[in-house]
């Protein structure tokens, strides 16, 4: 029987050092960016890529909204992102994580921006990927 709860394959599996949950924890990502990354990493494997990418975009939008709520909230958010950035020196580079999850081209840049807490850059690159995705006729109706 395929494991669906504890380290399922669509998240990388227990033996994968770049399993989604391990990367999220290593980078110190919060709920919103962590979920965005999770949906990007599982999109190529879950069989519902378009839905997963829409979910990732939703979480990236929420992360931006959170950062724009108030100056005090933005300062707290920035402090959390700086703390997460400190963990990057000890964590695997985004390109290895993308390779381990078969994350294509521009989405790997989104992963890199997420790892750095750069939400606006992640959103812009994400939108560029989706535009190319739809232009290539890959969208399933």
C-alpha atoms as a PDB file:
ATOM      1  CA  UNK A   1       0.000   0.000   0.000  1.00  0.00           C
ATOM      2  CA  UNK A   2       1.258   3.482  -0.879  1.00  0.00           C
ATOM      3  CA  UNK A   3       2.016   5.745   2.070  1.00  0.00           C
ATOM      4  CA  UNK A   4      -0.311   8.758   2.084  1.00  0.00           C
ATOM      5  CA  UNK A   5       0.237  10.251   5.552  1.00  0.00           C
ATOM      6  CA  UNK A   6       3.776   9.752   6.858  1.00  0.00           C
ATOM      7  CA  UNK A   7       6.310  10.977   4.242  1.00  0.00           C
ATOM      8  CA  UNK A   8       4.220  10.342   1.094  1.00  0.00           C
ATOM      9  CA  UNK A   9       6.039  10.112  -2.233  1.00  0.00           C
ATOM     10  CA  UNK A  10       4.429  13.278  -3.663  1.00  0.00           C
ATOM     11  CA  UNK A  11       6.271  15.269  -0.955  1.00  0.00           C
ATOM     12  CA  UNK A  12       9.566  13.503  -1.623  1.00  0.00           C
ATOM     13  CA  UNK A  13       9.375  10.527   0.740  1.00  0.00           C
ATOM     14  CA  UNK A  14      11.182   9.821   4.001  1.00  0.00           C
ATOM     15  CA  UNK A  15      14.470   8.879   2.322  1.00  0.00           C
ATOM     16  CA  UNK A  16      14.672  12.124   0.340  1.00  0.00           C
ATOM     17  CA  UNK A  17      16.849  14.689   2.174  1.00  0.00           C
ATOM     18  CA  UNK A  18      14.901  17.393   0.321  1.00  0.00           C
ATOM     19  CA  UNK A  19      11.444  16.196   1.316  1.00  0.00           C
ATOM     20  CA  UNK A  20       9.117  19.207   1.431  1.00  0.00           C
ATOM     21  CA  UNK A  21       8.695  19.232   5.226  1.00  0.00           C
ATOM     22  CA  UNK A  22      12.462  18.962   5.774  1.00  0.00           C
ATOM     23  CA  UNK A  23      13.131  21.941   3.505  1.00  0.00           C
ATOM     24  CA  UNK A  24      10.351  24.007   5.102  1.00  0.00           C
ATOM     25  CA  UNK A  25      11.793  23.337   8.552  1.00  0.00           C
ATOM     26  CA  UNK A  26      15.423  23.910   7.456  1.00  0.00           C
ATOM     27  CA  UNK A  27      14.518  27.258   5.932  1.00  0.00           C
ATOM     28  CA  UNK A  28      12.382  28.222   8.929  1.00  0.00           C
ATOM     29  CA  UNK A  29       9.428  29.048   6.715  1.00  0.00           C
ATOM     30  CA  UNK A  30       6.177  30.056   8.283  1.00  0.00           C
ATOM     31  CA  UNK A  31       2.770  28.703   7.407  1.00  0.00           C
ATOM     32  CA  UNK A  32       2.119  30.701   4.238  1.00  0.00           C
ATOM     33  CA  UNK A  33       5.494  30.400   2.512  1.00  0.00           C
ATOM     34  CA  UNK A  34       5.826  26.828   3.736  1.00  0.00           C
ATOM     35  CA  UNK A  35       2.541  25.879   2.122  1.00  0.00           C
ATOM     36  CA  UNK A  36       3.424  27.710  -1.096  1.00  0.00           C
ATOM     37  CA  UNK A  37       6.659  25.736  -1.271  1.00  0.00           C
ATOM     38  CA  UNK A  38       4.880  22.475  -0.426  1.00  0.00           C
ATOM     39  CA  UNK A  39       2.402  22.891  -3.281  1.00  0.00           C
ATOM     40  CA  UNK A  40       5.141  23.844  -5.764  1.00  0.00           C
ATOM     41  CA  UNK A  41       7.284  20.865  -4.819  1.00  0.00           C
ATOM     42  CA  UNK A  42       4.444  18.354  -5.009  1.00  0.00           C
ATOM     43  CA  UNK A  43       2.861  19.721  -8.222  1.00  0.00           C
ATOM     44  CA  UNK A  44       4.943  17.588 -10.605  1.00  0.00           C
ATOM     45  CA  UNK A  45       4.162  14.409  -8.635  1.00  0.00           C
ATOM     46  CA  UNK A  46       0.594  14.636  -7.391  1.00  0.00           C
ATOM     47  CA  UNK A  47      -1.236  14.617 -10.729  1.00  0.00           C
ATOM     48  CA  UNK A  48      -3.107  17.859 -10.043  1.00  0.00           C
ATOM     49  CA  UNK A  49      -0.401  20.355 -11.038  1.00  0.00           C
ATOM     50  CA  UNK A  50      -2.728  23.181 -12.034  1.00  0.00           C
ATOM     51  CA  UNK A  51      -4.681  22.977  -8.767  1.00  0.00           C
ATOM     52  CA  UNK A  52      -1.493  22.766  -6.692  1.00  0.00           C
ATOM     53  CA  UNK A  53      -0.024  25.777  -8.480  1.00  0.00           C
ATOM     54  CA  UNK A  54      -3.219  27.768  -7.863  1.00  0.00           C
ATOM     55  CA  UNK A  55      -2.944  26.849  -4.175  1.00  0.00           C
ATOM     56  CA  UNK A  56       0.712  27.924  -4.117  1.00  0.00           C
ATOM     57  CA  UNK A  57      -0.263  31.266  -5.642  1.00  0.00           C
ATOM     58  CA  UNK A  58      -2.978  31.716  -3.015  1.00  0.00           C
ATOM     59  CA  UNK A  59      -0.447  31.246  -0.215  1.00  0.00           C
ATOM     60  CA  UNK A  60       2.037  33.602  -1.870  1.00  0.00           C
ATOM     61  CA  UNK A  61      -0.721  36.232  -2.134  1.00  0.00           C
ATOM     62  CA  UNK A  62      -1.507  35.732   1.562  1.00  0.00           C
ATOM     63  CA  UNK A  63       2.148  36.133   2.445  1.00  0.00           C
ATOM     64  CA  UNK A  64       2.238  39.444   0.600  1.00  0.00           C
ATOM     65  CA  UNK A  65      -0.978  40.630   2.269  1.00  0.00           C
ATOM     66  CA  UNK A  66       0.417  39.713   5.668  1.00  0.00           C
ATOM     67  CA  UNK A  67       3.583  41.697   4.988  1.00  0.00           C
ATOM     68  CA  UNK A  68       1.487  44.720   4.001  1.00  0.00           C
ATOM     69  CA  UNK A  69      -0.910  44.662   6.986  1.00  0.00           C
ATOM     70  CA  UNK A  70       0.763  47.313   9.140  1.00  0.00           C
ATOM     71  CA  UNK A  71       4.240  48.699   9.784  1.00  0.00           C
ATOM     72  CA  UNK A  72       4.498  46.827  13.098  1.00  0.00           C
ATOM     73  CA  UNK A  73       3.367  43.576  11.519  1.00  0.00           C
ATOM     74  CA  UNK A  74       5.725  44.087   8.577  1.00  0.00           C
ATOM     75  CA  UNK A  75       8.632  44.559  11.000  1.00  0.00           C
ATOM     76  CA  UNK A  76       7.753  41.326  12.812  1.00  0.00           C
ATOM     77  CA  UNK A  77       7.455  39.526   9.495  1.00  0.00           C
ATOM     78  CA  UNK A  78      10.812  40.892   8.291  1.00  0.00           C
ATOM     79  CA  UNK A  79      12.471  39.770  11.524  1.00  0.00           C
ATOM     80  CA  UNK A  80      11.104  36.264  11.051  1.00  0.00           C
ATOM     81  CA  UNK A  81      12.360  36.223   7.462  1.00  0.00           C
ATOM     82  CA  UNK A  82      15.835  37.347   8.558  1.00  0.00           C
ATOM     83  CA  UNK A  83      15.888  34.529  11.094  1.00  0.00           C
ATOM     84  CA  UNK A  84      14.868  32.087   8.372  1.00  0.00           C
ATOM     85  CA  UNK A  85      17.610  33.490   6.133  1.00  0.00           C
ATOM     86  CA  UNK A  86      20.202  32.671   8.775  1.00  0.00           C
ATOM     87  CA  UNK A  87      19.226  29.019   8.426  1.00  0.00           C
ATOM     88  CA  UNK A  88      19.988  29.108   4.682  1.00  0.00           C
ATOM     89  CA  UNK A  89      23.716  28.827   5.307  1.00  0.00           C
ATOM     90  CA  UNK A  90      23.076  25.444   6.921  1.00  0.00           C
ATOM     91  CA  UNK A  91      20.425  24.209   4.524  1.00  0.00           C
ATOM     92  CA  UNK A  92      20.611  22.775   1.000  1.00  0.00           C
ATOM     93  CA  UNK A  93      20.513  25.180  -1.945  1.00  0.00           C
ATOM     94  CA  UNK A  94      17.177  25.588  -3.744  1.00  0.00           C
ATOM     95  CA  UNK A  95      18.531  24.061  -6.975  1.00  0.00           C
ATOM     96  CA  UNK A  96      19.143  20.731  -5.230  1.00  0.00           C
ATOM     97  CA  UNK A  97      15.661  20.811  -3.752  1.00  0.00           C
ATOM     98  CA  UNK A  98      14.159  21.555  -7.181  1.00  0.00           C
ATOM     99  CA  UNK A  99      16.106  18.705  -8.743  1.00  0.00           C
ATOM    100  CA  UNK A 100      14.999  16.296  -6.024  1.00  0.00           C
ATOM    101  CA  UNK A 101      11.344  17.175  -6.716  1.00  0.00           C
ATOM    102  CA  UNK A 102      11.575  17.541 -10.520  1.00  0.00           C
ATOM    103  CA  UNK A 103      10.433  21.167 -10.213  1.00  0.00           C
ATOM    104  CA  UNK A 104      10.685  22.723 -13.683  1.00  0.00           C
ATOM    105  CA  UNK A 105      12.487  25.889 -14.810  1.00  0.00           C
ATOM    106  CA  UNK A 106      10.945  29.083 -13.564  1.00  0.00           C
ATOM    107  CA  UNK A 107       9.276  27.373 -10.608  1.00  0.00           C
ATOM    108  CA  UNK A 108      12.755  26.643  -9.281  1.00  0.00           C
ATOM    109  CA  UNK A 109      13.363  30.399  -9.203  1.00  0.00           C
ATOM    110  CA  UNK A 110      10.132  30.739  -7.217  1.00  0.00           C
ATOM    111  CA  UNK A 111      11.526  28.174  -4.764  1.00  0.00           C
ATOM    112  CA  UNK A 112      14.747  30.199  -4.500  1.00  0.00           C
ATOM    113  CA  UNK A 113      12.830  33.419  -3.848  1.00  0.00           C
ATOM    114  CA  UNK A 114      10.708  31.681  -1.216  1.00  0.00           C
ATOM    115  CA  UNK A 115      13.887  30.471   0.493  1.00  0.00           C
ATOM    116  CA  UNK A 116      15.011  34.107   0.736  1.00  0.00           C
ATOM    117  CA  UNK A 117      11.623  35.443   1.860  1.00  0.00           C
ATOM    118  CA  UNK A 118      11.272  37.477  -1.368  1.00  0.00           C
ATOM    119  CA  UNK A 119       7.517  37.242  -1.803  1.00  0.00           C
ATOM    120  CA  UNK A 120       7.100  39.853  -4.553  1.00  0.00           C
ATOM    121  CA  UNK A 121       9.817  38.260  -6.682  1.00  0.00           C
ATOM    122  CA  UNK A 122       8.293  34.825  -6.045  1.00  0.00           C
ATOM    123  CA  UNK A 123       4.880  36.070  -7.176  1.00  0.00           C
ATOM    124  CA  UNK A 124       6.208  37.776 -10.315  1.00  0.00           C
ATOM    125  CA  UNK A 125       8.177  34.704 -11.359  1.00  0.00           C
ATOM    126  CA  UNK A 126       5.248  32.436 -10.487  1.00  0.00           C
ATOM    127  CA  UNK A 127       2.984  34.520 -12.747  1.00  0.00           C
ATOM    128  CA  UNK A 128       5.562  34.346 -15.543  1.00  0.00           C
ATOM    129  CA  UNK A 129       5.614  30.546 -15.213  1.00  0.00           C
ATOM    130  CA  UNK A 130       1.813  30.349 -15.355  1.00  0.00           C
ATOM    131  CA  UNK A 131       1.700  32.596 -18.431  1.00  0.00           C
ATOM    132  CA  UNK A 132       4.115  30.267 -20.193  1.00  0.00           C
ATOM    133  CA  UNK A 133       2.200  27.228 -18.921  1.00  0.00           C
ATOM    134  CA  UNK A 134      -1.058  28.485 -20.410  1.00  0.00           C
ATOM    135  CA  UNK A 135       0.596  29.763 -23.607  1.00  0.00           C
ATOM    136  CA  UNK A 136       1.985  26.287 -24.283  1.00  0.00           C
ATOM    137  CA  UNK A 137      -1.556  24.879 -24.150  1.00  0.00           C
ATOM    138  CA  UNK A 138      -0.809  22.685 -21.138  1.00  0.00           C
ATOM    139  CA  UNK A 139      -3.908  23.747 -19.248  1.00  0.00           C
ATOM    140  CA  UNK A 140      -6.443  20.979 -18.859  1.00  0.00           C
ATOM    141  CA  UNK A 141     -10.057  22.120 -19.116  1.00  0.00           C
END
